[in-house]
């Protein structure tokens, strides 16, 4: 039998959260052990936010629906459906959805997302 040249992911690893955010990691450390890259489907509920963080990985975000707010260093940016952003490793950022509708997006991290390398600040 020939080796397959692809990996089909139908059951992402759902990261447990306590803030109502959905994180379904399709590829990455938690789902398939890949430390080079992670790809996750995310849904940030209305009025959701995280503390500031300074990740040790680049993070790319593409918005499918809704809006997402980024505070990068001291600049506020709001991404809307169809827009994307790359935030370089070592950049202080806060992610939030202060709006009244959910925000659905894809997040790609390189190297892969790692809770030990996200460097979240205390609230």
N, C-alpha and C. Protein backbone atom coordinates (compact mmCIF):
# COMPACT_ATOMS: atom_id res chain seq x y z
N UNK A 1 0.84 -1.19 0.00
CA UNK A 1 0.00 0.00 0.00
C UNK A 1 0.88 1.24 0.00
N UNK A 2 0.57 2.17 -0.86
CA UNK A 2 1.35 3.41 -0.99
C UNK A 2 1.10 4.32 0.21
N UNK A 3 2.15 5.04 0.58
CA UNK A 3 2.03 6.03 1.66
C UNK A 3 1.24 7.24 1.16
N UNK A 4 0.36 7.75 1.99
CA UNK A 4 -0.43 8.93 1.64
C UNK A 4 0.44 10.18 1.74
N UNK A 5 0.23 11.09 0.83
CA UNK A 5 0.98 12.34 0.79
C UNK A 5 0.20 13.48 1.41
N UNK A 6 -0.72 13.17 2.30
CA UNK A 6 -1.52 14.20 2.94
C UNK A 6 -2.00 13.68 4.30
N UNK A 7 -2.46 14.61 5.13
CA UNK A 7 -3.06 14.28 6.42
C UNK A 7 -4.41 14.98 6.47
N UNK A 8 -5.46 14.22 6.58
CA UNK A 8 -6.81 14.76 6.66
C UNK A 8 -7.19 14.91 8.13
N UNK A 9 -7.64 16.10 8.52
CA UNK A 9 -8.00 16.35 9.91
C UNK A 9 -9.50 16.59 10.01
N UNK A 10 -10.21 15.65 10.62
CA UNK A 10 -11.66 15.78 10.80
C UNK A 10 -12.04 15.98 12.26
N UNK A 11 -11.11 15.75 13.16
CA UNK A 11 -11.39 15.85 14.59
C UNK A 11 -10.32 16.69 15.28
N UNK A 12 -10.41 18.02 15.18
CA UNK A 12 -9.39 18.86 15.83
C UNK A 12 -9.41 18.70 17.34
N UNK A 13 -8.29 19.02 17.94
CA UNK A 13 -8.20 19.04 19.40
C UNK A 13 -8.90 20.30 19.88
N UNK A 14 -9.91 20.14 20.72
CA UNK A 14 -10.63 21.29 21.26
C UNK A 14 -9.97 21.67 22.58
N UNK A 15 -9.37 22.84 22.58
CA UNK A 15 -8.65 23.33 23.75
C UNK A 15 -9.67 23.74 24.81
N UNK A 16 -9.56 23.19 26.02
CA UNK A 16 -10.50 23.60 27.08
C UNK A 16 -10.28 25.06 27.48
N UNK A 17 -11.35 25.82 27.55
CA UNK A 17 -11.27 27.22 27.97
C UNK A 17 -12.33 27.48 29.03
N UNK A 18 -12.15 28.55 29.79
CA UNK A 18 -13.15 28.91 30.81
C UNK A 18 -13.74 30.29 30.52
N UNK A 19 -13.51 30.80 29.29
CA UNK A 19 -13.98 32.14 28.96
C UNK A 19 -14.97 32.16 27.79
N UNK A 20 -15.46 30.97 27.38
CA UNK A 20 -16.44 30.90 26.31
C UNK A 20 -15.86 30.88 24.91
N UNK A 21 -14.54 31.00 24.78
CA UNK A 21 -13.90 30.99 23.47
C UNK A 21 -13.74 29.56 22.98
N UNK A 22 -14.04 29.34 21.69
CA UNK A 22 -13.83 28.03 21.07
C UNK A 22 -12.48 28.04 20.37
N UNK A 23 -11.67 27.02 20.65
CA UNK A 23 -10.39 26.85 19.98
C UNK A 23 -10.32 25.40 19.51
N UNK A 24 -10.37 25.19 18.21
CA UNK A 24 -10.24 23.87 17.63
C UNK A 24 -8.93 23.80 16.86
N UNK A 25 -7.91 23.19 17.46
CA UNK A 25 -6.61 23.11 16.79
C UNK A 25 -6.60 21.95 15.81
N UNK A 26 -6.44 22.26 14.53
CA UNK A 26 -6.41 21.23 13.49
C UNK A 26 -5.03 20.62 13.34
N UNK A 27 -4.00 21.45 13.41
CA UNK A 27 -2.63 20.98 13.36
C UNK A 27 -1.83 21.80 14.35
N UNK A 28 -0.91 21.16 15.06
CA UNK A 28 -0.09 21.85 16.05
C UNK A 28 0.33 20.91 17.16
N UNK A 29 0.94 21.47 18.19
CA UNK A 29 1.49 20.68 19.29
C UNK A 29 0.43 19.82 19.97
N UNK A 30 -0.74 20.41 20.25
CA UNK A 30 -1.78 19.69 21.00
C UNK A 30 -2.49 18.63 20.15
N UNK A 31 -2.62 18.89 18.85
CA UNK A 31 -3.41 17.99 18.00
C UNK A 31 -2.59 16.86 17.37
N UNK A 32 -1.44 17.20 16.80
CA UNK A 32 -0.66 16.16 16.12
C UNK A 32 0.83 16.20 16.47
N UNK A 33 1.21 16.99 17.46
CA UNK A 33 2.59 17.05 17.91
C UNK A 33 3.51 17.91 17.06
N UNK A 34 2.95 18.61 16.06
CA UNK A 34 3.76 19.45 15.18
C UNK A 34 4.18 20.71 15.92
N UNK A 35 5.47 20.90 16.12
CA UNK A 35 5.94 22.10 16.83
C UNK A 35 6.35 23.21 15.87
N UNK A 36 6.32 22.95 14.56
CA UNK A 36 6.74 23.95 13.58
C UNK A 36 5.64 24.94 13.23
N UNK A 37 4.37 24.49 13.28
CA UNK A 37 3.25 25.30 12.81
C UNK A 37 1.98 24.83 13.49
N UNK A 38 1.08 25.77 13.79
CA UNK A 38 -0.24 25.39 14.29
C UNK A 38 -1.30 26.16 13.52
N UNK A 39 -2.43 25.50 13.31
CA UNK A 39 -3.58 26.09 12.63
C UNK A 39 -4.80 25.79 13.48
N UNK A 40 -5.54 26.83 13.86
CA UNK A 40 -6.70 26.64 14.72
C UNK A 40 -7.88 27.46 14.23
N UNK A 41 -9.06 26.85 14.34
CA UNK A 41 -10.34 27.52 14.09
C UNK A 41 -10.77 28.12 15.43
N UNK A 42 -11.08 29.39 15.44
CA UNK A 42 -11.42 30.07 16.69
C UNK A 42 -12.76 30.78 16.57
N UNK A 43 -13.48 30.82 17.68
CA UNK A 43 -14.69 31.65 17.78
C UNK A 43 -14.61 32.39 19.11
N UNK A 44 -14.45 33.71 19.01
CA UNK A 44 -14.41 34.56 20.20
C UNK A 44 -15.83 35.08 20.45
N UNK A 45 -16.40 34.78 21.61
CA UNK A 45 -17.76 35.24 21.88
C UNK A 45 -17.83 36.76 22.07
N UNK A 46 -19.01 37.33 21.99
CA UNK A 46 -19.15 38.77 22.24
C UNK A 46 -18.60 39.14 23.62
N UNK A 47 -17.97 40.30 23.70
CA UNK A 47 -17.44 40.86 24.94
C UNK A 47 -16.37 39.99 25.61
N UNK A 48 -15.61 39.29 24.81
CA UNK A 48 -14.51 38.44 25.27
C UNK A 48 -13.20 39.20 25.20
N UNK A 49 -12.28 38.91 26.12
CA UNK A 49 -10.93 39.46 26.01
C UNK A 49 -9.94 38.57 26.75
N UNK A 50 -8.67 38.72 26.40
CA UNK A 50 -7.57 38.03 27.06
C UNK A 50 -6.64 39.08 27.64
N UNK A 51 -5.79 38.69 28.59
CA UNK A 51 -4.79 39.64 29.07
C UNK A 51 -3.74 39.91 27.99
N UNK A 52 -2.96 40.95 28.17
CA UNK A 52 -1.84 41.20 27.27
C UNK A 52 -0.89 40.01 27.31
N UNK A 53 -0.20 39.80 26.20
CA UNK A 53 0.78 38.72 26.11
C UNK A 53 1.90 39.13 25.16
N UNK A 54 3.03 38.44 25.26
CA UNK A 54 4.16 38.68 24.37
C UNK A 54 4.63 37.31 23.87
N UNK A 55 3.97 36.77 22.86
CA UNK A 55 4.29 35.42 22.39
C UNK A 55 5.68 35.31 21.76
N UNK A 56 6.24 34.11 21.83
CA UNK A 56 7.53 33.81 21.23
C UNK A 56 7.35 33.16 19.86
N UNK A 57 6.23 33.47 19.18
CA UNK A 57 5.95 32.92 17.86
C UNK A 57 5.20 33.98 17.06
N UNK A 58 5.32 33.91 15.73
CA UNK A 58 4.52 34.77 14.86
C UNK A 58 3.10 34.25 14.85
N UNK A 59 2.11 35.16 14.81
CA UNK A 59 0.71 34.73 14.74
C UNK A 59 0.02 35.47 13.60
N UNK A 60 -0.59 34.68 12.74
CA UNK A 60 -1.36 35.18 11.59
C UNK A 60 -2.82 34.95 11.90
N UNK A 61 -3.67 35.93 11.62
CA UNK A 61 -5.11 35.82 11.87
C UNK A 61 -5.86 36.23 10.61
N UNK A 62 -6.86 35.42 10.24
CA UNK A 62 -7.76 35.75 9.14
C UNK A 62 -9.19 35.71 9.67
N UNK A 63 -9.93 36.81 9.52
CA UNK A 63 -11.29 36.91 10.05
C UNK A 63 -12.30 36.45 9.00
N UNK A 64 -13.16 35.50 9.38
CA UNK A 64 -14.24 35.03 8.51
C UNK A 64 -15.52 35.82 8.73
N UNK A 65 -15.85 36.06 10.00
CA UNK A 65 -17.06 36.82 10.32
C UNK A 65 -16.87 37.56 11.63
N UNK A 66 -17.61 38.65 11.78
CA UNK A 66 -17.51 39.47 12.99
C UNK A 66 -16.28 40.38 12.91
N UNK A 67 -15.85 40.82 14.09
CA UNK A 67 -14.71 41.72 14.21
C UNK A 67 -13.87 41.29 15.40
N UNK A 68 -12.59 41.62 15.35
CA UNK A 68 -11.69 41.32 16.45
C UNK A 68 -10.80 42.53 16.68
N UNK A 69 -10.62 42.87 17.95
CA UNK A 69 -9.78 44.02 18.30
C UNK A 69 -8.41 43.54 18.76
N UNK A 70 -7.38 44.24 18.29
CA UNK A 70 -6.00 43.98 18.68
C UNK A 70 -5.45 45.28 19.27
N UNK A 71 -4.81 45.19 20.42
CA UNK A 71 -4.01 46.31 20.90
C UNK A 71 -2.57 45.83 20.80
N UNK A 72 -1.84 46.41 19.85
CA UNK A 72 -0.47 46.00 19.56
C UNK A 72 0.44 47.13 20.02
N UNK A 73 1.25 46.80 21.06
CA UNK A 73 2.02 47.83 21.74
C UNK A 73 1.02 48.88 22.24
N UNK A 74 0.92 50.07 21.63
CA UNK A 74 -0.05 51.07 22.07
C UNK A 74 -1.07 51.41 20.99
N UNK A 75 -1.13 50.61 19.94
CA UNK A 75 -2.02 50.91 18.80
C UNK A 75 -3.22 49.96 18.79
N UNK A 76 -4.42 50.53 18.61
CA UNK A 76 -5.64 49.74 18.53
C UNK A 76 -5.98 49.50 17.06
N UNK A 77 -6.19 48.22 16.71
CA UNK A 77 -6.55 47.83 15.34
C UNK A 77 -7.79 46.96 15.42
N UNK A 78 -8.75 47.20 14.54
CA UNK A 78 -9.95 46.37 14.47
C UNK A 78 -9.97 45.70 13.10
N UNK A 79 -9.96 44.36 13.11
CA UNK A 79 -10.03 43.59 11.88
C UNK A 79 -11.47 43.16 11.65
N UNK A 80 -11.89 43.18 10.39
CA UNK A 80 -13.23 42.78 9.99
C UNK A 80 -13.15 41.60 9.04
N UNK A 81 -14.29 41.01 8.73
CA UNK A 81 -14.36 39.85 7.85
C UNK A 81 -13.60 40.12 6.55
N UNK A 82 -12.78 39.15 6.15
CA UNK A 82 -12.00 39.27 4.93
C UNK A 82 -10.64 39.90 5.12
N UNK A 83 -10.33 40.38 6.34
CA UNK A 83 -9.05 41.02 6.61
C UNK A 83 -8.15 40.08 7.40
N UNK A 84 -6.84 40.32 7.31
CA UNK A 84 -5.87 39.48 8.02
C UNK A 84 -4.74 40.34 8.57
N UNK A 85 -3.98 39.74 9.48
CA UNK A 85 -2.86 40.43 10.11
C UNK A 85 -1.81 39.40 10.51
N UNK A 86 -0.55 39.81 10.50
CA UNK A 86 0.53 39.02 11.08
C UNK A 86 1.13 39.84 12.20
N UNK A 87 1.30 39.21 13.34
CA UNK A 87 1.93 39.86 14.49
C UNK A 87 3.22 39.09 14.78
N UNK A 88 4.33 39.79 14.73
CA UNK A 88 5.63 39.16 14.89
C UNK A 88 5.88 38.70 16.32
N UNK A 89 6.64 37.62 16.43
CA UNK A 89 7.07 37.12 17.74
C UNK A 89 7.73 38.24 18.52
N UNK A 90 7.51 38.25 19.84
CA UNK A 90 8.13 39.26 20.71
C UNK A 90 7.36 40.57 20.77
N UNK A 91 6.17 40.61 20.18
CA UNK A 91 5.35 41.82 20.18
C UNK A 91 4.30 41.72 21.29
N UNK A 92 4.17 42.76 22.09
CA UNK A 92 3.15 42.78 23.15
C UNK A 92 1.80 43.07 22.51
N UNK A 93 0.80 42.21 22.79
CA UNK A 93 -0.50 42.31 22.14
C UNK A 93 -1.62 41.86 23.09
N UNK A 94 -2.77 42.46 22.90
CA UNK A 94 -3.98 42.00 23.60
C UNK A 94 -5.05 41.74 22.54
N UNK A 95 -5.69 40.58 22.64
CA UNK A 95 -6.76 40.20 21.73
C UNK A 95 -8.09 40.34 22.46
N UNK A 96 -9.12 40.85 21.74
CA UNK A 96 -10.45 40.93 22.36
C UNK A 96 -11.52 41.03 21.29
N UNK A 97 -12.74 40.77 21.72
CA UNK A 97 -13.93 40.97 20.90
C UNK A 97 -14.91 41.79 21.74
N UNK A 98 -14.77 43.12 21.75
CA UNK A 98 -15.65 43.96 22.56
C UNK A 98 -16.99 44.24 21.87
N UNK A 99 -17.28 43.51 20.81
CA UNK A 99 -18.47 43.76 20.00
C UNK A 99 -19.60 42.82 20.40
N UNK A 100 -20.79 43.05 19.84
CA UNK A 100 -21.99 42.32 20.24
C UNK A 100 -22.26 41.06 19.42
N UNK A 101 -21.31 40.65 18.58
CA UNK A 101 -21.48 39.42 17.80
C UNK A 101 -20.21 38.58 17.89
N UNK A 102 -20.34 37.26 17.74
CA UNK A 102 -19.14 36.42 17.76
C UNK A 102 -18.20 36.76 16.62
N UNK A 103 -16.94 36.45 16.80
CA UNK A 103 -15.93 36.62 15.75
C UNK A 103 -15.36 35.24 15.43
N UNK A 104 -15.47 34.83 14.17
CA UNK A 104 -14.95 33.54 13.72
C UNK A 104 -13.71 33.80 12.89
N UNK A 105 -12.63 33.09 13.21
CA UNK A 105 -11.37 33.33 12.52
C UNK A 105 -10.46 32.11 12.56
N UNK A 106 -9.42 32.18 11.75
CA UNK A 106 -8.37 31.16 11.74
C UNK A 106 -7.11 31.82 12.27
N UNK A 107 -6.41 31.09 13.13
CA UNK A 107 -5.13 31.54 13.66
C UNK A 107 -4.05 30.55 13.25
N UNK A 108 -2.96 31.07 12.70
CA UNK A 108 -1.80 30.25 12.32
C UNK A 108 -0.61 30.78 13.11
N UNK A 109 0.07 29.89 13.81
CA UNK A 109 1.24 30.28 14.59
C UNK A 109 2.47 29.54 14.08
N UNK A 110 3.59 30.29 13.98
CA UNK A 110 4.85 29.70 13.52
C UNK A 110 5.96 30.24 14.38
N UNK A 111 6.71 29.41 15.13
CA UNK A 111 6.41 28.01 15.36
C UNK A 111 5.06 27.83 16.04
N UNK A 112 4.67 26.60 16.25
CA UNK A 112 3.34 26.28 16.76
C UNK A 112 3.05 26.96 18.09
N UNK A 113 1.75 27.26 18.30
CA UNK A 113 1.31 27.81 19.58
C UNK A 113 1.78 26.91 20.71
N UNK A 114 2.26 27.52 21.78
CA UNK A 114 2.74 26.79 22.94
C UNK A 114 2.38 27.62 24.17
N UNK A 115 1.57 27.04 25.07
CA UNK A 115 1.15 27.77 26.28
C UNK A 115 2.35 28.27 27.08
N UNK A 116 3.46 27.54 27.02
CA UNK A 116 4.66 27.94 27.77
C UNK A 116 5.42 29.08 27.10
N UNK A 117 5.02 29.46 25.87
CA UNK A 117 5.73 30.51 25.16
C UNK A 117 4.82 31.68 24.77
N UNK A 118 3.62 31.74 25.36
CA UNK A 118 2.70 32.83 25.05
C UNK A 118 2.94 34.05 25.96
N UNK A 119 3.47 33.79 27.16
CA UNK A 119 3.86 34.85 28.10
C UNK A 119 2.72 35.83 28.40
N UNK A 120 1.59 35.28 28.88
CA UNK A 120 0.44 36.11 29.26
C UNK A 120 0.73 36.85 30.55
N UNK A 121 0.29 38.10 30.59
CA UNK A 121 0.45 38.92 31.79
C UNK A 121 -0.70 38.64 32.75
N UNK A 122 -0.46 38.82 34.02
CA UNK A 122 -1.53 38.66 35.01
C UNK A 122 -2.54 39.79 34.84
N UNK A 123 -3.81 39.49 35.12
CA UNK A 123 -4.86 40.52 35.03
C UNK A 123 -4.75 41.51 36.16
